Amino acid sequence: MARIHGPRHLEELLHTVRKVQRNQQDMMKAHAARRRALGEMLQRPGVDPMDVARAEVALNHAAPVLTVLRRDG
């Protein structure tokens, strides 16, 4: 368990947590946008559904991994 060594250390830890949360939100938004784009691509005429399926599999393999920040009690 990490020990907090004063108010400045606490501020740095909170800053780090917020930065990680922002980065994760940005990654999830980008992933959702890519998934929406694949759905829109299926609606277009002349698009091979198998190509979209392959792209979706690749997208699933590149899904963002969320970092869990926990506090030990």
PDB file of N, CA and C in Angstrom:
ATOM      1  N   MET A   1       0.844  -1.175   0.000  1.00  0.00           N
ATOM      2  CA  MET A   1       0.000   0.000   0.000  1.00  0.00           C
ATOM      3  C   MET A   1       0.893   1.243   0.000  1.00  0.00           C
ATOM      4  N   ALA A   2       0.534   2.201  -0.798  1.00  0.00           N
ATOM      5  CA  ALA A   2       1.314   3.439  -0.882  1.00  0.00           C
ATOM      6  C   ALA A   2       1.020   4.322   0.328  1.00  0.00           C
ATOM      7  N   ARG A   3       2.045   4.963   0.792  1.00  0.00           N
ATOM      8  CA  ARG A   3       1.873   5.904   1.904  1.00  0.00           C
ATOM      9  C   ARG A   3       1.941   7.319   1.356  1.00  0.00           C
ATOM     10  N   ILE A   4       1.116   8.158   1.902  1.00  0.00           N
ATOM     11  CA  ILE A   4       1.091   9.557   1.483  1.00  0.00           C
ATOM     12  C   ILE A   4       1.994  10.332   2.429  1.00  0.00           C
ATOM     13  N   HIS A   5       2.934  11.056   1.848  1.00  0.00           N
ATOM     14  CA  HIS A   5       3.964  11.723   2.641  1.00  0.00           C
ATOM     15  C   HIS A   5       3.727  13.217   2.813  1.00  0.00           C
ATOM     16  N   GLY A   6       2.512  13.647   2.659  1.00  0.00           N
ATOM     17  CA  GLY A   6       2.211  15.053   2.860  1.00  0.00           C
ATOM     18  C   GLY A   6       1.240  15.566   1.822  1.00  0.00           C
ATOM     19  N   PRO A   7       0.811  16.811   1.982  1.00  0.00           N
ATOM     20  CA  PRO A   7      -0.199  17.370   1.078  1.00  0.00           C
ATOM     21  C   PRO A   7       0.277  17.467  -0.372  1.00  0.00           C
ATOM     22  N   ARG A   8       1.543  17.768  -0.577  1.00  0.00           N
ATOM     23  CA  ARG A   8       2.048  17.867  -1.954  1.00  0.00           C
ATOM     24  C   ARG A   8       2.041  16.496  -2.628  1.00  0.00           C
ATOM     25  N   HIS A   9       2.414  15.486  -1.880  1.00  0.00           N
ATOM     26  CA  HIS A   9       2.399  14.129  -2.412  1.00  0.00           C
ATOM     27  C   HIS A   9       0.970  13.710  -2.755  1.00  0.00           C
ATOM     28  N   LEU A  10       0.025  14.062  -1.895  1.00  0.00           N
ATOM     29  CA  LEU A  10      -1.381  13.761  -2.150  1.00  0.00           C
ATOM     30  C   LEU A  10      -1.855  14.447  -3.429  1.00  0.00           C
ATOM     31  N   GLU A  11      -1.486  15.706  -3.613  1.00  0.00           N
ATOM     32  CA  GLU A  11      -1.863  16.435  -4.828  1.00  0.00           C
ATOM     33  C   GLU A  11      -1.294  15.760  -6.069  1.00  0.00           C
ATOM     34  N   GLU A  12      -0.044  15.311  -5.997  1.00  0.00           N
ATOM     35  CA  GLU A  12       0.575  14.632  -7.136  1.00  0.00           C
ATOM     36  C   GLU A  12      -0.143  13.320  -7.445  1.00  0.00           C
ATOM     37  N   LEU A  13      -0.507  12.580  -6.399  1.00  0.00           N
ATOM     38  CA  LEU A  13      -1.237  11.329  -6.610  1.00  0.00           C
ATOM     39  C   LEU A  13      -2.596  11.586  -7.245  1.00  0.00           C
ATOM     40  N   LEU A  14      -3.309  12.591  -6.754  1.00  0.00           N
ATOM     41  CA  LEU A  14      -4.616  12.921  -7.327  1.00  0.00           C
ATOM     42  C   LEU A  14      -4.484  13.371  -8.776  1.00  0.00           C
ATOM     43  N   HIS A  15      -3.445  14.136  -9.065  1.00  0.00           N
ATOM     44  CA  HIS A  15      -3.198  14.574 -10.441  1.00  0.00           C
ATOM     45  C   HIS A  15      -2.968  13.362 -11.346  1.00  0.00           C
ATOM     46  N   THR A  16      -2.188  12.402 -10.860  1.00  0.00           N
ATOM     47  CA  THR A  16      -1.910  11.195 -11.638  1.00  0.00           C
ATOM     48  C   THR A  16      -3.186  10.394 -11.877  1.00  0.00           C
ATOM     49  N   VAL A  17      -4.004  10.245 -10.847  1.00  0.00           N
ATOM     50  CA  VAL A  17      -5.256   9.498 -10.982  1.00  0.00           C
ATOM     51  C   VAL A  17      -6.164  10.170 -12.004  1.00  0.00           C
ATOM     52  N   ARG A  18      -6.286  11.476 -11.919  1.00  0.00           N
ATOM     53  CA  ARG A  18      -7.149  12.199 -12.874  1.00  0.00           C
ATOM     54  C   ARG A  18      -6.621  12.084 -14.298  1.00  0.00           C
ATOM     55  N   LYS A  19      -5.303  12.138 -14.455  1.00  0.00           N
ATOM     56  CA  LYS A  19      -4.704  12.012 -15.783  1.00  0.00           C
ATOM     57  C   LYS A  19      -4.986  10.627 -16.369  1.00  0.00           C
ATOM     58  N   VAL A  20      -4.844   9.590 -15.563  1.00  0.00           N
ATOM     59  CA  VAL A  20      -5.121   8.228 -16.023  1.00  0.00           C
ATOM     60  C   VAL A  20      -6.593   8.091 -16.401  1.00  0.00           C
ATOM     61  N   GLN A  21      -7.478   8.657 -15.586  1.00  0.00           N
ATOM     62  CA  GLN A  21      -8.908   8.588 -15.890  1.00  0.00           C
ATOM     63  C   GLN A  21      -9.238   9.308 -17.194  1.00  0.00           C
ATOM     64  N   ARG A  22      -8.637  10.487 -17.414  1.00  0.00           N
ATOM     65  CA  ARG A  22      -8.872  11.221 -18.667  1.00  0.00           C
ATOM     66  C   ARG A  22      -8.379  10.416 -19.863  1.00  0.00           C
ATOM     67  N   ASN A  23      -7.191   9.835 -19.738  1.00  0.00           N
ATOM     68  CA  ASN A  23      -6.645   9.039 -20.837  1.00  0.00           C
ATOM     69  C   ASN A  23      -7.545   7.850 -21.149  1.00  0.00           C
ATOM     70  N   GLN A  24      -8.061   7.196 -20.112  1.00  0.00           N
ATOM     71  CA  GLN A  24      -8.948   6.055 -20.321  1.00  0.00           C
ATOM     72  C   GLN A  24     -10.247   6.489 -20.989  1.00  0.00           C
ATOM     73  N   GLN A  25     -10.793   7.620 -20.565  1.00  0.00           N
ATOM     74  CA  GLN A  25     -12.019   8.113 -21.192  1.00  0.00           C
ATOM     75  C   GLN A  25     -11.779   8.426 -22.662  1.00  0.00           C
ATOM     76  N   ASP A  26     -10.643   9.036 -22.971  1.00  0.00           N
ATOM     77  CA  ASP A  26     -10.316   9.350 -24.361  1.00  0.00           C
ATOM     78  C   ASP A  26     -10.180   8.078 -25.193  1.00  0.00           C
ATOM     79  N   MET A  27      -9.526   7.054 -24.620  1.00  0.00           N
ATOM     80  CA  MET A  27      -9.379   5.787 -25.345  1.00  0.00           C
ATOM     81  C   MET A  27     -10.731   5.131 -25.593  1.00  0.00           C
ATOM     82  N   MET A  28     -11.609   5.167 -24.599  1.00  0.00           N
ATOM     83  CA  MET A  28     -12.924   4.549 -24.755  1.00  0.00           C
ATOM     84  C   MET A  28     -13.765   5.307 -25.787  1.00  0.00           C
ATOM     85  N   LYS A  29     -13.667   6.634 -25.797  1.00  0.00           N
ATOM     86  CA  LYS A  29     -14.397   7.422 -26.793  1.00  0.00           C
ATOM     87  C   LYS A  29     -13.898   7.112 -28.197  1.00  0.00           C
ATOM     88  N   ALA A  30     -12.590   7.005 -28.361  1.00  0.00           N
ATOM     89  CA  ALA A  30     -12.021   6.697 -29.675  1.00  0.00           C
ATOM     90  C   ALA A  30     -12.451   5.303 -30.126  1.00  0.00           C
ATOM     91  N   HIS A  31     -12.452   4.354 -29.210  1.00  0.00           N
ATOM     92  CA  HIS A  31     -12.866   2.989 -29.543  1.00  0.00           C
ATOM     93  C   HIS A  31     -14.340   2.972 -29.958  1.00  0.00           C
ATOM     94  N   ALA A  32     -15.180   3.694 -29.231  1.00  0.00           N
ATOM     95  CA  ALA A  32     -16.606   3.760 -29.562  1.00  0.00           C
ATOM     96  C   ALA A  32     -16.815   4.415 -30.927  1.00  0.00           C
ATOM     97  N   ALA A  33     -16.028   5.429 -31.236  1.00  0.00           N
ATOM     98  CA  ALA A  33     -16.144   6.094 -32.541  1.00  0.00           C
ATOM     99  C   ALA A  33     -15.775   5.132 -33.669  1.00  0.00           C
ATOM    100  N   ARG A  34     -14.740   4.333 -33.451  1.00  0.00           N
ATOM    101  CA  ARG A  34     -14.357   3.348 -34.477  1.00  0.00           C
ATOM    102  C   ARG A  34     -15.460   2.310 -34.664  1.00  0.00           C
ATOM    103  N   ARG A  35     -16.059   1.889 -33.559  1.00  0.00           N
ATOM    104  CA  ARG A  35     -17.141   0.900 -33.648  1.00  0.00           C
ATOM    105  C   ARG A  35     -18.352   1.493 -34.388  1.00  0.00           C
ATOM    106  N   ARG A  36     -18.680   2.763 -34.106  1.00  0.00           N
ATOM    107  CA  ARG A  36     -19.781   3.425 -34.825  1.00  0.00           C
ATOM    108  C   ARG A  36     -19.475   3.512 -36.315  1.00  0.00           C
ATOM    109  N   ALA A  37     -18.224   3.817 -36.644  1.00  0.00           N
ATOM    110  CA  ALA A  37     -17.836   3.924 -38.055  1.00  0.00           C
ATOM    111  C   ALA A  37     -18.019   2.585 -38.766  1.00  0.00           C
ATOM    112  N   LEU A  38     -17.713   1.491 -38.079  1.00  0.00           N
ATOM    113  CA  LEU A  38     -17.928   0.172 -38.689  1.00  0.00           C
ATOM    114  C   LEU A  38     -19.415  -0.077 -38.928  1.00  0.00           C
ATOM    115  N   GLY A  39     -20.255   0.321 -37.974  1.00  0.00           N
ATOM    116  CA  GLY A  39     -21.694   0.160 -38.152  1.00  0.00           C
ATOM    117  C   GLY A  39     -22.217   0.976 -39.322  1.00  0.00           C
ATOM    118  N   GLU A  40     -21.693   2.185 -39.471  1.00  0.00           N
ATOM    119  CA  GLU A  40     -22.104   3.031 -40.593  1.00  0.00           C
ATOM    120  C   GLU A  40     -21.610   2.459 -41.916  1.00  0.00           C
ATOM    121  N   MET A  41     -20.447   1.841 -41.890  1.00  0.00           N
ATOM    122  CA  MET A  41     -19.892   1.262 -43.108  1.00  0.00           C
ATOM    123  C   MET A  41     -20.795   0.140 -43.635  1.00  0.00           C
ATOM    124  N   LEU A  42     -21.405  -0.609 -42.715  1.00  0.00           N
ATOM    125  CA  LEU A  42     -22.302  -1.695 -43.130  1.00  0.00           C
ATOM    126  C   LEU A  42     -23.519  -1.176 -43.883  1.00  0.00           C
ATOM    127  N   GLN A  43     -23.909   0.072 -43.630  1.00  0.00           N
ATOM    128  CA  GLN A  43     -25.094   0.643 -44.270  1.00  0.00           C
ATOM    129  C   GLN A  43     -24.821   1.097 -45.702  1.00  0.00           C
ATOM    130  N   ARG A  44     -23.554   1.219 -46.052  1.00  0.00           N
ATOM    131  CA  ARG A  44     -23.208   1.704 -47.390  1.00  0.00           C
ATOM    132  C   ARG A  44     -23.349   0.589 -48.421  1.00  0.00           C
ATOM    133  N   PRO A  45     -23.837   0.957 -49.602  1.00  0.00           N
ATOM    134  CA  PRO A  45     -23.933  -0.058 -50.662  1.00  0.00           C
ATOM    135  C   PRO A  45     -22.538  -0.412 -51.183  1.00  0.00           C
ATOM    136  N   GLY A  46     -22.394  -1.651 -51.566  1.00  0.00           N
ATOM    137  CA  GLY A  46     -21.134  -2.087 -52.161  1.00  0.00           C
ATOM    138  C   GLY A  46     -20.054  -2.456 -51.165  1.00  0.00           C
ATOM    139  N   VAL A  47     -20.371  -2.459 -49.890  1.00  0.00           N
ATOM    140  CA  VAL A  47     -19.376  -2.822 -48.879  1.00  0.00           C
ATOM    141  C   VAL A  47     -19.569  -4.295 -48.532  1.00  0.00           C
ATOM    142  N   ASP A  48     -18.485  -5.044 -48.587  1.00  0.00           N
ATOM    143  CA  ASP A  48     -18.534  -6.473 -48.275  1.00  0.00           C
ATOM    144  C   ASP A  48     -18.654  -6.655 -46.755  1.00  0.00           C
ATOM    145  N   PRO A  49     -19.722  -7.299 -46.303  1.00  0.00           N
ATOM    146  CA  PRO A  49     -19.892  -7.502 -44.854  1.00  0.00           C
ATOM    147  C   PRO A  49     -18.739  -8.288 -44.218  1.00  0.00           C
ATOM    148  N   MET A  50     -18.098  -9.147 -44.981  1.00  0.00           N
ATOM    149  CA  MET A  50     -16.964  -9.905 -44.435  1.00  0.00           C
ATOM    150  C   MET A  50     -15.788  -8.979 -44.136  1.00  0.00           C
ATOM    151  N   ASP A  51     -15.600  -7.959 -44.969  1.00  0.00           N
ATOM    152  CA  ASP A  51     -14.538  -6.987 -44.689  1.00  0.00           C
ATOM    153  C   ASP A  51     -14.823  -6.245 -43.385  1.00  0.00           C
ATOM    154  N   VAL A  52     -16.086  -5.898 -43.184  1.00  0.00           N
ATOM    155  CA  VAL A  52     -16.466  -5.206 -41.953  1.00  0.00           C
ATOM    156  C   VAL A  52     -16.284  -6.141 -40.758  1.00  0.00           C
ATOM    157  N   ALA A  53     -16.635  -7.409 -40.924  1.00  0.00           N
ATOM    158  CA  ALA A  53     -16.473  -8.381 -39.833  1.00  0.00           C
ATOM    159  C   ALA A  53     -14.999  -8.537 -39.474  1.00  0.00           C
ATOM    160  N   ARG A  54     -14.134  -8.589 -40.483  1.00  0.00           N
ATOM    161  CA  ARG A  54     -12.693  -8.695 -40.213  1.00  0.00           C
ATOM    162  C   ARG A  54     -12.188  -7.452 -39.480  1.00  0.00           C
ATOM    163  N   ALA A  55     -12.667  -6.296 -39.904  1.00  0.00           N
ATOM    164  CA  ALA A  55     -12.256  -5.052 -39.245  1.00  0.00           C
ATOM    165  C   ALA A  55     -12.757  -5.024 -37.801  1.00  0.00           C
ATOM    166  N   GLU A  56     -13.948  -5.566 -37.569  1.00  0.00           N
ATOM    167  CA  GLU A  56     -14.484  -5.591 -36.208  1.00  0.00           C
ATOM    168  C   GLU A  56     -13.672  -6.524 -35.311  1.00  0.00           C
ATOM    169  N   VAL A  57     -13.255  -7.661 -35.850  1.00  0.00           N
ATOM    170  CA  VAL A  57     -12.412  -8.577 -35.071  1.00  0.00           C
ATOM    171  C   VAL A  57     -11.099  -7.894 -34.714  1.00  0.00           C
ATOM    172  N   ALA A  58     -10.506  -7.213 -35.678  1.00  0.00           N
ATOM    173  CA  ALA A  58      -9.254  -6.494 -35.416  1.00  0.00           C
ATOM    174  C   ALA A  58      -9.468  -5.400 -34.367  1.00  0.00           C
ATOM    175  N   LEU A  59     -10.599  -4.719 -34.449  1.00  0.00           N
ATOM    176  CA  LEU A  59     -10.903  -3.666 -33.476  1.00  0.00           C
ATOM    177  C   LEU A  59     -11.065  -4.250 -32.073  1.00  0.00           C
ATOM    178  N   ASN A  60     -11.718  -5.402 -31.985  1.00  0.00           N
ATOM    179  CA  ASN A  60     -11.901  -6.035 -30.673  1.00  0.00           C
ATOM    180  C   ASN A  60     -10.569  -6.449 -30.068  1.00  0.00           C
ATOM    181  N   HIS A  61      -9.637  -6.878 -30.908  1.00  0.00           N
ATOM    182  CA  HIS A  61      -8.319  -7.266 -30.401  1.00  0.00           C
ATOM    183  C   HIS A  61      -7.503  -6.050 -29.975  1.00  0.00           C
ATOM    184  N   ALA A  62      -7.864  -4.885 -30.480  1.00  0.00           N
ATOM    185  CA  ALA A  62      -7.138  -3.657 -30.138  1.00  0.00           C
ATOM    186  C   ALA A  62      -7.898  -2.832 -29.099  1.00  0.00           C
ATOM    187  N   ALA A  63      -8.867  -3.453 -28.437  1.00  0.00           N
ATOM    188  CA  ALA A  63      -9.674  -2.722 -27.454  1.00  0.00           C
ATOM    189  C   ALA A  63      -8.792  -2.206 -26.322  1.00  0.00           C
ATOM    190  N   PRO A  64      -9.088  -1.001 -25.847  1.00  0.00           N
ATOM    191  CA  PRO A  64      -8.276  -0.447 -24.761  1.00  0.00           C
ATOM    192  C   PRO A  64      -8.409  -1.271 -23.484  1.00  0.00           C
ATOM    193  N   VAL A  65      -7.324  -1.378 -22.782  1.00  0.00           N
ATOM    194  CA  VAL A  65      -7.311  -2.075 -21.498  1.00  0.00           C
ATOM    195  C   VAL A  65      -7.398  -1.014 -20.405  1.00  0.00           C
ATOM    196  N   LEU A  66      -8.367  -1.166 -19.541  1.00  0.00           N
ATOM    197  CA  LEU A  66      -8.552  -0.181 -18.480  1.00  0.00           C
ATOM    198  C   LEU A  66      -7.637  -0.498 -17.304  1.00  0.00           C
ATOM    199  N   THR A  67      -7.048   0.528 -16.769  1.00  0.00           N
ATOM    200  CA  THR A  67      -6.214   0.398 -15.583  1.00  0.00           C
ATOM    201  C   THR A  67      -7.093   0.604 -14.358  1.00  0.00           C
ATOM    202  N   VAL A  68      -7.003  -0.298 -13.440  1.00  0.00           N
ATOM    203  CA  VAL A  68      -7.794  -0.184 -12.219  1.00  0.00           C
ATOM    204  C   VAL A  68      -6.909   0.397 -11.132  1.00  0.00           C
ATOM    205  N   LEU A  69      -7.302   1.557 -10.662  1.00  0.00           N
ATOM    206  CA  LEU A  69      -6.594   2.177  -9.548  1.00  0.00           C
ATOM    207  C   LEU A  69      -7.386   1.856  -8.292  1.00  0.00           C
ATOM    208  N   ARG A  70      -6.763   1.193  -7.364  1.00  0.00           N
ATOM    209  CA  ARG A  70      -7.505   0.791  -6.179  1.00  0.00           C
ATOM    210  C   ARG A  70      -6.850   1.319  -4.918  1.00  0.00           C
ATOM    211  N   ARG A  71      -7.648   1.377  -3.908  1.00  0.00           N
ATOM    212  CA  ARG A  71      -7.150   1.826  -2.613  1.00  0.00           C
ATOM    213  C   ARG A  71      -7.254   0.649  -1.659  1.00  0.00           C
ATOM    214  N   ASP A  72      -6.143   0.248  -1.105  1.00  0.00           N
ATOM    215  CA  ASP A  72      -6.157  -0.839  -0.127  1.00  0.00           C
ATOM    216  C   ASP A  72      -6.590  -0.272   1.212  1.00  0.00           C
ATOM    217  N   GLY A  73      -7.557  -0.931   1.805  1.00  0.00           N
ATOM    218  CA  GLY A  73      -8.170  -0.433   3.010  1.00  0.00           C
ATOM    219  C   GLY A  73      -7.384  -0.617   4.238  1.00  0.00           C
TER     220      GLY A  73
END
